[in-house]
Amino acid sequence: ARSKDKGHRKNTEKALTDEAVEDMDRQMVDCAEAGDYEGAATFRDKLCSAQLDDEASVLQANVEFYAAFSQRDFERIKACWLPS
């Protein structure tokens, strides 16, 4: 279970910050306004990919939590929660 926890932390660390998303969104709009539609599409694709990565991370954490819950493995359940 520990290796899965480390993998989940890696996914979380890779996630874009809100500031980075806003910056990429601004760059996408700037490209489109300048007529650089290829550049805008590149930023659009990066934003979509980041959203899918975030959704996959949430689904992975959800599966891990419910697997631990169904097996009554309280150590794994605690590992799923972020420290406060």
PDB file of N, CA and C in Angstrom:
ATOM      1  N   ALA A   1       0.828  -1.195   0.000  1.00  0.00           N
ATOM      2  CA  ALA A   1       0.000   0.000   0.000  1.00  0.00           C
ATOM      3  C   ALA A   1       0.871   1.256   0.000  1.00  0.00           C
ATOM      4  N   ARG A   2       2.041   1.172   0.564  1.00  0.00           N
ATOM      5  CA  ARG A   2       2.904   2.346   0.634  1.00  0.00           C
ATOM      6  C   ARG A   2       3.290   2.851  -0.751  1.00  0.00           C
ATOM      7  N   SER A   3       3.578   1.942  -1.685  1.00  0.00           N
ATOM      8  CA  SER A   3       3.988   2.394  -3.016  1.00  0.00           C
ATOM      9  C   SER A   3       2.849   3.130  -3.700  1.00  0.00           C
ATOM     10  N   LYS A   4       1.608   2.702  -3.464  1.00  0.00           N
ATOM     11  CA  LYS A   4       0.471   3.415  -4.041  1.00  0.00           C
ATOM     12  C   LYS A   4       0.364   4.809  -3.443  1.00  0.00           C
ATOM     13  N   ASP A   5       0.612   4.927  -2.130  1.00  0.00           N
ATOM     14  CA  ASP A   5       0.539   6.237  -1.474  1.00  0.00           C
ATOM     15  C   ASP A   5       1.562   7.184  -2.087  1.00  0.00           C
ATOM     16  N   LYS A   6       2.777   6.690  -2.332  1.00  0.00           N
ATOM     17  CA  LYS A   6       3.812   7.537  -2.919  1.00  0.00           C
ATOM     18  C   LYS A   6       3.416   7.952  -4.323  1.00  0.00           C
ATOM     19  N   GLY A   7       2.836   7.046  -5.095  1.00  0.00           N
ATOM     20  CA  GLY A   7       2.391   7.365  -6.441  1.00  0.00           C
ATOM     21  C   GLY A   7       1.309   8.417  -6.428  1.00  0.00           C
ATOM     22  N   HIS A   8       0.390   8.320  -5.455  1.00  0.00           N
ATOM     23  CA  HIS A   8      -0.679   9.310  -5.355  1.00  0.00           C
ATOM     24  C   HIS A   8      -0.096  10.675  -5.031  1.00  0.00           C
ATOM     25  N   ARG A   9       0.895  10.724  -4.143  1.00  0.00           N
ATOM     26  CA  ARG A   9       1.522  12.003  -3.820  1.00  0.00           C
ATOM     27  C   ARG A   9       2.205  12.594  -5.043  1.00  0.00           C
ATOM     28  N   LYS A  10       2.824  11.748  -5.872  1.00  0.00           N
ATOM     29  CA  LYS A  10       3.456  12.247  -7.090  1.00  0.00           C
ATOM     30  C   LYS A  10       2.421  12.888  -7.994  1.00  0.00           C
ATOM     31  N   ASN A  11       1.252  12.247  -8.162  1.00  0.00           N
ATOM     32  CA  ASN A  11       0.195  12.816  -8.993  1.00  0.00           C
ATOM     33  C   ASN A  11      -0.256  14.155  -8.442  1.00  0.00           C
ATOM     34  N   THR A  12      -0.373  14.251  -7.130  1.00  0.00           N
ATOM     35  CA  THR A  12      -0.809  15.492  -6.511  1.00  0.00           C
ATOM     36  C   THR A  12       0.224  16.586  -6.745  1.00  0.00           C
ATOM     37  N   GLU A  13       1.509  16.246  -6.638  1.00  0.00           N
ATOM     38  CA  GLU A  13       2.559  17.239  -6.841  1.00  0.00           C
ATOM     39  C   GLU A  13       2.585  17.726  -8.280  1.00  0.00           C
ATOM     40  N   LYS A  14       2.204  16.874  -9.225  1.00  0.00           N
ATOM     41  CA  LYS A  14       2.207  17.248 -10.630  1.00  0.00           C
ATOM     42  C   LYS A  14       1.040  18.165 -10.972  1.00  0.00           C
ATOM     43  N   ALA A  15       0.005  18.126 -10.168  1.00  0.00           N
ATOM     44  CA  ALA A  15      -1.190  18.902 -10.472  1.00  0.00           C
ATOM     45  C   ALA A  15      -0.833  20.388 -10.570  1.00  0.00           C
ATOM     46  N   LEU A  16      -1.465  21.052 -11.503  1.00  0.00           N
ATOM     47  CA  LEU A  16      -1.211  22.479 -11.689  1.00  0.00           C
ATOM     48  C   LEU A  16      -1.876  23.282 -10.582  1.00  0.00           C
ATOM     49  N   THR A  17      -1.210  24.342 -10.172  1.00  0.00           N
ATOM     50  CA  THR A  17      -1.807  25.243  -9.201  1.00  0.00           C
ATOM     51  C   THR A  17      -2.865  26.091  -9.902  1.00  0.00           C
ATOM     52  N   ASP A  18      -3.765  26.660  -9.123  1.00  0.00           N
ATOM     53  CA  ASP A  18      -4.776  27.542  -9.701  1.00  0.00           C
ATOM     54  C   ASP A  18      -4.122  28.692 -10.452  1.00  0.00           C
ATOM     55  N   GLU A  19      -3.022  29.180  -9.911  1.00  0.00           N
ATOM     56  CA  GLU A  19      -2.296  30.286 -10.541  1.00  0.00           C
ATOM     57  C   GLU A  19      -1.741  29.870 -11.907  1.00  0.00           C
ATOM     58  N   ALA A  20      -1.216  28.656 -11.992  1.00  0.00           N
ATOM     59  CA  ALA A  20      -0.673  28.161 -13.259  1.00  0.00           C
ATOM     60  C   ALA A  20      -1.790  27.975 -14.287  1.00  0.00           C
ATOM     61  N   VAL A  21      -2.942  27.490 -13.840  1.00  0.00           N
ATOM     62  CA  VAL A  21      -4.086  27.307 -14.747  1.00  0.00           C
ATOM     63  C   VAL A  21      -4.553  28.660 -15.270  1.00  0.00           C
ATOM     64  N   GLU A  22      -4.653  29.644 -14.383  1.00  0.00           N
ATOM     65  CA  GLU A  22      -5.073  30.988 -14.802  1.00  0.00           C
ATOM     66  C   GLU A  22      -4.079  31.578 -15.795  1.00  0.00           C
ATOM     67  N   ASP A  23      -2.793  31.335 -15.566  1.00  0.00           N
ATOM     68  CA  ASP A  23      -1.762  31.843 -16.460  1.00  0.00           C
ATOM     69  C   ASP A  23      -1.879  31.196 -17.842  1.00  0.00           C
ATOM     70  N   MET A  24      -2.060  29.882 -17.869  1.00  0.00           N
ATOM     71  CA  MET A  24      -2.206  29.198 -19.155  1.00  0.00           C
ATOM     72  C   MET A  24      -3.487  29.638 -19.864  1.00  0.00           C
ATOM     73  N   ASP A  25      -4.553  29.856 -19.112  1.00  0.00           N
ATOM     74  CA  ASP A  25      -5.806  30.326 -19.708  1.00  0.00           C
ATOM     75  C   ASP A  25      -5.621  31.712 -20.321  1.00  0.00           C
ATOM     76  N   ARG A  26      -4.901  32.586 -19.612  1.00  0.00           N
ATOM     77  CA  ARG A  26      -4.628  33.931 -20.132  1.00  0.00           C
ATOM     78  C   ARG A  26      -3.784  33.853 -21.398  1.00  0.00           C
ATOM     79  N   GLN A  27      -2.772  32.974 -21.388  1.00  0.00           N
ATOM     80  CA  GLN A  27      -1.920  32.822 -22.566  1.00  0.00           C
ATOM     81  C   GLN A  27      -2.717  32.286 -23.748  1.00  0.00           C
ATOM     82  N   MET A  28      -3.667  31.384 -23.483  1.00  0.00           N
ATOM     83  CA  MET A  28      -4.513  30.851 -24.547  1.00  0.00           C
ATOM     84  C   MET A  28      -5.340  31.976 -25.174  1.00  0.00           C
ATOM     85  N   VAL A  29      -5.934  32.812 -24.335  1.00  0.00           N
ATOM     86  CA  VAL A  29      -6.738  33.939 -24.828  1.00  0.00           C
ATOM     87  C   VAL A  29      -5.866  34.922 -25.585  1.00  0.00           C
ATOM     88  N   ASP A  30      -4.683  35.218 -25.047  1.00  0.00           N
ATOM     89  CA  ASP A  30      -3.760  36.136 -25.729  1.00  0.00           C
ATOM     90  C   ASP A  30      -3.399  35.626 -27.122  1.00  0.00           C
ATOM     91  N   CYS A  31      -3.117  34.330 -27.215  1.00  0.00           N
ATOM     92  CA  CYS A  31      -2.782  33.737 -28.518  1.00  0.00           C
ATOM     93  C   CYS A  31      -3.959  33.872 -29.489  1.00  0.00           C
ATOM     94  N   ALA A  32      -5.155  33.570 -29.003  1.00  0.00           N
ATOM     95  CA  ALA A  32      -6.341  33.632 -29.871  1.00  0.00           C
ATOM     96  C   ALA A  32      -6.583  35.068 -30.339  1.00  0.00           C
ATOM     97  N   GLU A  33      -6.449  36.031 -29.429  1.00  0.00           N
ATOM     98  CA  GLU A  33      -6.656  37.436 -29.796  1.00  0.00           C
ATOM     99  C   GLU A  33      -5.611  37.914 -30.805  1.00  0.00           C
ATOM    100  N   ALA A  34      -4.406  37.335 -30.747  1.00  0.00           N
ATOM    101  CA  ALA A  34      -3.336  37.703 -31.673  1.00  0.00           C
ATOM    102  C   ALA A  34      -3.433  36.924 -32.986  1.00  0.00           C
ATOM    103  N   GLY A  35      -4.420  36.039 -33.085  1.00  0.00           N
ATOM    104  CA  GLY A  35      -4.586  35.248 -34.298  1.00  0.00           C
ATOM    105  C   GLY A  35      -3.722  34.004 -34.347  1.00  0.00           C
ATOM    106  N   ASP A  36      -3.043  33.710 -33.254  1.00  0.00           N
ATOM    107  CA  ASP A  36      -2.204  32.504 -33.176  1.00  0.00           C
ATOM    108  C   ASP A  36      -3.070  31.351 -32.670  1.00  0.00           C
ATOM    109  N   TYR A  37      -3.881  30.805 -33.569  1.00  0.00           N
ATOM    110  CA  TYR A  37      -4.833  29.771 -33.175  1.00  0.00           C
ATOM    111  C   TYR A  37      -4.151  28.453 -32.856  1.00  0.00           C
ATOM    112  N   GLU A  38      -3.025  28.200 -33.488  1.00  0.00           N
ATOM    113  CA  GLU A  38      -2.276  26.978 -33.175  1.00  0.00           C
ATOM    114  C   GLU A  38      -1.728  27.055 -31.743  1.00  0.00           C
ATOM    115  N   GLY A  39      -1.194  28.201 -31.377  1.00  0.00           N
ATOM    116  CA  GLY A  39      -0.703  28.399 -30.011  1.00  0.00           C
ATOM    117  C   GLY A  39      -1.836  28.307 -28.998  1.00  0.00           C
ATOM    118  N   ALA A  40      -2.976  28.908 -29.328  1.00  0.00           N
ATOM    119  CA  ALA A  40      -4.134  28.839 -28.432  1.00  0.00           C
ATOM    120  C   ALA A  40      -4.588  27.402 -28.259  1.00  0.00           C
ATOM    121  N   ALA A  41      -4.577  26.633 -29.340  1.00  0.00           N
ATOM    122  CA  ALA A  41      -4.985  25.222 -29.268  1.00  0.00           C
ATOM    123  C   ALA A  41      -4.022  24.420 -28.391  1.00  0.00           C
ATOM    124  N   THR A  42      -2.739  24.769 -28.438  1.00  0.00           N
ATOM    125  CA  THR A  42      -1.755  24.081 -27.604  1.00  0.00           C
ATOM    126  C   THR A  42      -2.066  24.310 -26.129  1.00  0.00           C
ATOM    127  N   PHE A  43      -2.351  25.558 -25.758  1.00  0.00           N
ATOM    128  CA  PHE A  43      -2.702  25.854 -24.364  1.00  0.00           C
ATOM    129  C   PHE A  43      -4.021  25.181 -23.983  1.00  0.00           C
ATOM    130  N   ARG A  44      -4.993  25.183 -24.898  1.00  0.00           N
ATOM    131  CA  ARG A  44      -6.275  24.514 -24.637  1.00  0.00           C
ATOM    132  C   ARG A  44      -6.048  23.036 -24.343  1.00  0.00           C
ATOM    133  N   ASP A  45      -5.214  22.405 -25.137  1.00  0.00           N
ATOM    134  CA  ASP A  45      -4.945  20.982 -24.949  1.00  0.00           C
ATOM    135  C   ASP A  45      -4.247  20.704 -23.615  1.00  0.00           C
ATOM    136  N   LYS A  46      -3.313  21.574 -23.238  1.00  0.00           N
ATOM    137  CA  LYS A  46      -2.624  21.408 -21.950  1.00  0.00           C
ATOM    138  C   LYS A  46      -3.614  21.554 -20.794  1.00  0.00           C
ATOM    139  N   LEU A  47      -4.525  22.525 -20.901  1.00  0.00           N
ATOM    140  CA  LEU A  47      -5.523  22.722 -19.847  1.00  0.00           C
ATOM    141  C   LEU A  47      -6.450  21.514 -19.737  1.00  0.00           C
ATOM    142  N   CYS A  48      -6.865  20.966 -20.869  1.00  0.00           N
ATOM    143  CA  CYS A  48      -7.738  19.787 -20.865  1.00  0.00           C
ATOM    144  C   CYS A  48      -7.016  18.589 -20.255  1.00  0.00           C
ATOM    145  N   SER A  49      -5.756  18.420 -20.601  1.00  0.00           N
ATOM    146  CA  SER A  49      -4.967  17.308 -20.076  1.00  0.00           C
ATOM    147  C   SER A  49      -4.814  17.418 -18.561  1.00  0.00           C
ATOM    148  N   ALA A  50      -4.568  18.629 -18.075  1.00  0.00           N
ATOM    149  CA  ALA A  50      -4.419  18.840 -16.635  1.00  0.00           C
ATOM    150  C   ALA A  50      -5.719  18.510 -15.912  1.00  0.00           C
ATOM    151  N   GLN A  51      -6.848  18.878 -16.500  1.00  0.00           N
ATOM    152  CA  GLN A  51      -8.138  18.584 -15.885  1.00  0.00           C
ATOM    153  C   GLN A  51      -8.357  17.074 -15.819  1.00  0.00           C
ATOM    154  N   LEU A  52      -8.006  16.359 -16.883  1.00  0.00           N
ATOM    155  CA  LEU A  52      -8.162  14.903 -16.890  1.00  0.00           C
ATOM    156  C   LEU A  52      -7.242  14.258 -15.860  1.00  0.00           C
ATOM    157  N   ASP A  53      -6.013  14.771 -15.708  1.00  0.00           N
ATOM    158  CA  ASP A  53      -5.093  14.247 -14.700  1.00  0.00           C
ATOM    159  C   ASP A  53      -5.673  14.421 -13.302  1.00  0.00           C
ATOM    160  N   ASP A  54      -6.263  15.588 -13.034  1.00  0.00           N
ATOM    161  CA  ASP A  54      -6.874  15.844 -11.733  1.00  0.00           C
ATOM    162  C   ASP A  54      -8.029  14.892 -11.474  1.00  0.00           C
ATOM    163  N   GLU A  55      -8.877  14.699 -12.478  1.00  0.00           N
ATOM    164  CA  GLU A  55     -10.026  13.812 -12.322  1.00  0.00           C
ATOM    165  C   GLU A  55      -9.574  12.377 -12.098  1.00  0.00           C
ATOM    166  N   ALA A  56      -8.547  11.948 -12.802  1.00  0.00           N
ATOM    167  CA  ALA A  56      -8.024  10.589 -12.630  1.00  0.00           C
ATOM    168  C   ALA A  56      -7.450  10.403 -11.227  1.00  0.00           C
ATOM    169  N   SER A  57      -6.780  11.415 -10.712  1.00  0.00           N
ATOM    170  CA  SER A  57      -6.218  11.340  -9.354  1.00  0.00           C
ATOM    171  C   SER A  57      -7.318  11.203  -8.312  1.00  0.00           C
ATOM    172  N   VAL A  58      -8.399  11.940  -8.498  1.00  0.00           N
ATOM    173  CA  VAL A  58      -9.523  11.851  -7.561  1.00  0.00           C
ATOM    174  C   VAL A  58     -10.153  10.468  -7.625  1.00  0.00           C
ATOM    175  N   LEU A  59     -10.354   9.957  -8.829  1.00  0.00           N
ATOM    176  CA  LEU A  59     -10.936   8.621  -8.977  1.00  0.00           C
ATOM    177  C   LEU A  59     -10.034   7.554  -8.360  1.00  0.00           C
ATOM    178  N   GLN A  60      -8.730   7.676  -8.557  1.00  0.00           N
ATOM    179  CA  GLN A  60      -7.783   6.720  -7.991  1.00  0.00           C
ATOM    180  C   GLN A  60      -7.842   6.747  -6.463  1.00  0.00           C
ATOM    181  N   ALA A  61      -7.875   7.934  -5.881  1.00  0.00           N
ATOM    182  CA  ALA A  61      -7.956   8.057  -4.423  1.00  0.00           C
ATOM    183  C   ALA A  61      -9.270   7.484  -3.903  1.00  0.00           C
ATOM    184  N   ASN A  62     -10.342   7.706  -4.644  1.00  0.00           N
ATOM    185  CA  ASN A  62     -11.648   7.194  -4.252  1.00  0.00           C
ATOM    186  C   ASN A  62     -11.651   5.662  -4.240  1.00  0.00           C
ATOM    187  N   VAL A  63     -11.101   5.058  -5.276  1.00  0.00           N
ATOM    188  CA  VAL A  63     -11.026   3.591  -5.356  1.00  0.00           C
ATOM    189  C   VAL A  63     -10.197   3.046  -4.195  1.00  0.00           C
ATOM    190  N   GLU A  64      -9.070   3.666  -3.926  1.00  0.00           N
ATOM    191  CA  GLU A  64      -8.194   3.225  -2.832  1.00  0.00           C
ATOM    192  C   GLU A  64      -8.916   3.321  -1.487  1.00  0.00           C
ATOM    193  N   PHE A  65      -9.610   4.434  -1.259  1.00  0.00           N
ATOM    194  CA  PHE A  65     -10.317   4.611   0.007  1.00  0.00           C
ATOM    195  C   PHE A  65     -11.392   3.546   0.193  1.00  0.00           C
ATOM    196  N   TYR A  66     -12.218   3.329  -0.826  1.00  0.00           N
ATOM    197  CA  TYR A  66     -13.306   2.365  -0.675  1.00  0.00           C
ATOM    198  C   TYR A  66     -12.802   0.930  -0.611  1.00  0.00           C
ATOM    199  N   ALA A  67     -11.679   0.628  -1.244  1.00  0.00           N
ATOM    200  CA  ALA A  67     -11.087  -0.705  -1.106  1.00  0.00           C
ATOM    201  C   ALA A  67     -10.626  -0.911   0.340  1.00  0.00           C
ATOM    202  N   ALA A  68      -9.966   0.079   0.901  1.00  0.00           N
ATOM    203  CA  ALA A  68      -9.519   0.000   2.290  1.00  0.00           C
ATOM    204  C   ALA A  68     -10.714  -0.078   3.232  1.00  0.00           C
ATOM    205  N   PHE A  69     -11.738   0.718   2.959  1.00  0.00           N
ATOM    206  CA  PHE A  69     -12.942   0.730   3.793  1.00  0.00           C
ATOM    207  C   PHE A  69     -13.632  -0.638   3.783  1.00  0.00           C
ATOM    208  N   SER A  70     -13.774  -1.228   2.594  1.00  0.00           N
ATOM    209  CA  SER A  70     -14.471  -2.515   2.491  1.00  0.00           C
ATOM    210  C   SER A  70     -13.689  -3.634   3.169  1.00  0.00           C
ATOM    211  N   GLN A  71     -12.362  -3.471   3.263  1.00  0.00           N
ATOM    212  CA  GLN A  71     -11.530  -4.475   3.934  1.00  0.00           C
ATOM    213  C   GLN A  71     -11.283  -4.129   5.407  1.00  0.00           C
ATOM    214  N   ARG A  72     -11.883  -3.032   5.840  1.00  0.00           N
ATOM    215  CA  ARG A  72     -11.737  -2.548   7.221  1.00  0.00           C
ATOM    216  C   ARG A  72     -10.259  -2.380   7.609  1.00  0.00           C
ATOM    217  N   ASP A  73      -9.483  -1.888   6.653  1.00  0.00           N
ATOM    218  CA  ASP A  73      -8.053  -1.666   6.853  1.00  0.00           C
ATOM    219  C   ASP A  73      -7.860  -0.203   7.260  1.00  0.00           C
ATOM    220  N   PHE A  74      -7.883   0.031   8.564  1.00  0.00           N
ATOM    221  CA  PHE A  74      -7.881   1.399   9.065  1.00  0.00           C
ATOM    222  C   PHE A  74      -6.570   2.140   8.788  1.00  0.00           C
ATOM    223  N   GLU A  75      -5.458   1.411   8.710  1.00  0.00           N
ATOM    224  CA  GLU A  75      -4.194   2.068   8.374  1.00  0.00           C
ATOM    225  C   GLU A  75      -4.244   2.605   6.940  1.00  0.00           C
ATOM    226  N   ARG A  76      -4.776   1.824   6.013  1.00  0.00           N
ATOM    227  CA  ARG A  76      -4.915   2.295   4.628  1.00  0.00           C
ATOM    228  C   ARG A  76      -5.906   3.444   4.541  1.00  0.00           C
ATOM    229  N   ILE A  77      -6.984   3.375   5.325  1.00  0.00           N
ATOM    230  CA  ILE A  77      -7.972   4.466   5.331  1.00  0.00           C
ATOM    231  C   ILE A  77      -7.284   5.756   5.781  1.00  0.00           C
ATOM    232  N   LYS A  78      -6.525   5.677   6.875  1.00  0.00           N
ATOM    233  CA  LYS A  78      -5.832   6.871   7.378  1.00  0.00           C
ATOM    234  C   LYS A  78      -4.831   7.399   6.359  1.00  0.00           C
ATOM    235  N   ALA A  79      -4.196   6.500   5.601  1.00  0.00           N
ATOM    236  CA  ALA A  79      -3.210   6.925   4.594  1.00  0.00           C
ATOM    237  C   ALA A  79      -3.872   7.687   3.447  1.00  0.00           C
ATOM    238  N   CYS A  80      -5.169   7.453   3.238  1.00  0.00           N
ATOM    239  CA  CYS A  80      -5.892   8.138   2.155  1.00  0.00           C
ATOM    240  C   CYS A  80      -6.185   9.594   2.492  1.00  0.00           C
ATOM    241  N   TRP A  81      -6.245   9.925   3.757  1.00  0.00           N
ATOM    242  CA  TRP A  81      -6.585  11.286   4.179  1.00  0.00           C
ATOM    243  C   TRP A  81      -5.347  12.166   4.179  1.00  0.00           C
ATOM    244  N   LEU A  82      -5.517  13.383   3.783  1.00  0.00           N
ATOM    245  CA  LEU A  82      -4.410  14.342   3.853  1.00  0.00           C
ATOM    246  C   LEU A  82      -4.194  14.748   5.302  1.00  0.00           C
ATOM    247  N   PRO A  83      -2.964  14.917   5.723  1.00  0.00           N
ATOM    248  CA  PRO A  83      -2.723  15.373   7.097  1.00  0.00           C
ATOM    249  C   PRO A  83      -3.243  16.796   7.277  1.00  0.00           C
ATOM    250  N   SER A  84      -3.736  17.065   8.472  1.00  0.00           N
ATOM    251  CA  SER A  84      -4.283  18.408   8.724  1.00  0.00           C
ATOM    252  C   SER A  84      -3.215  19.357   9.205  1.00  0.00           C
TER     253      SER A  84
END
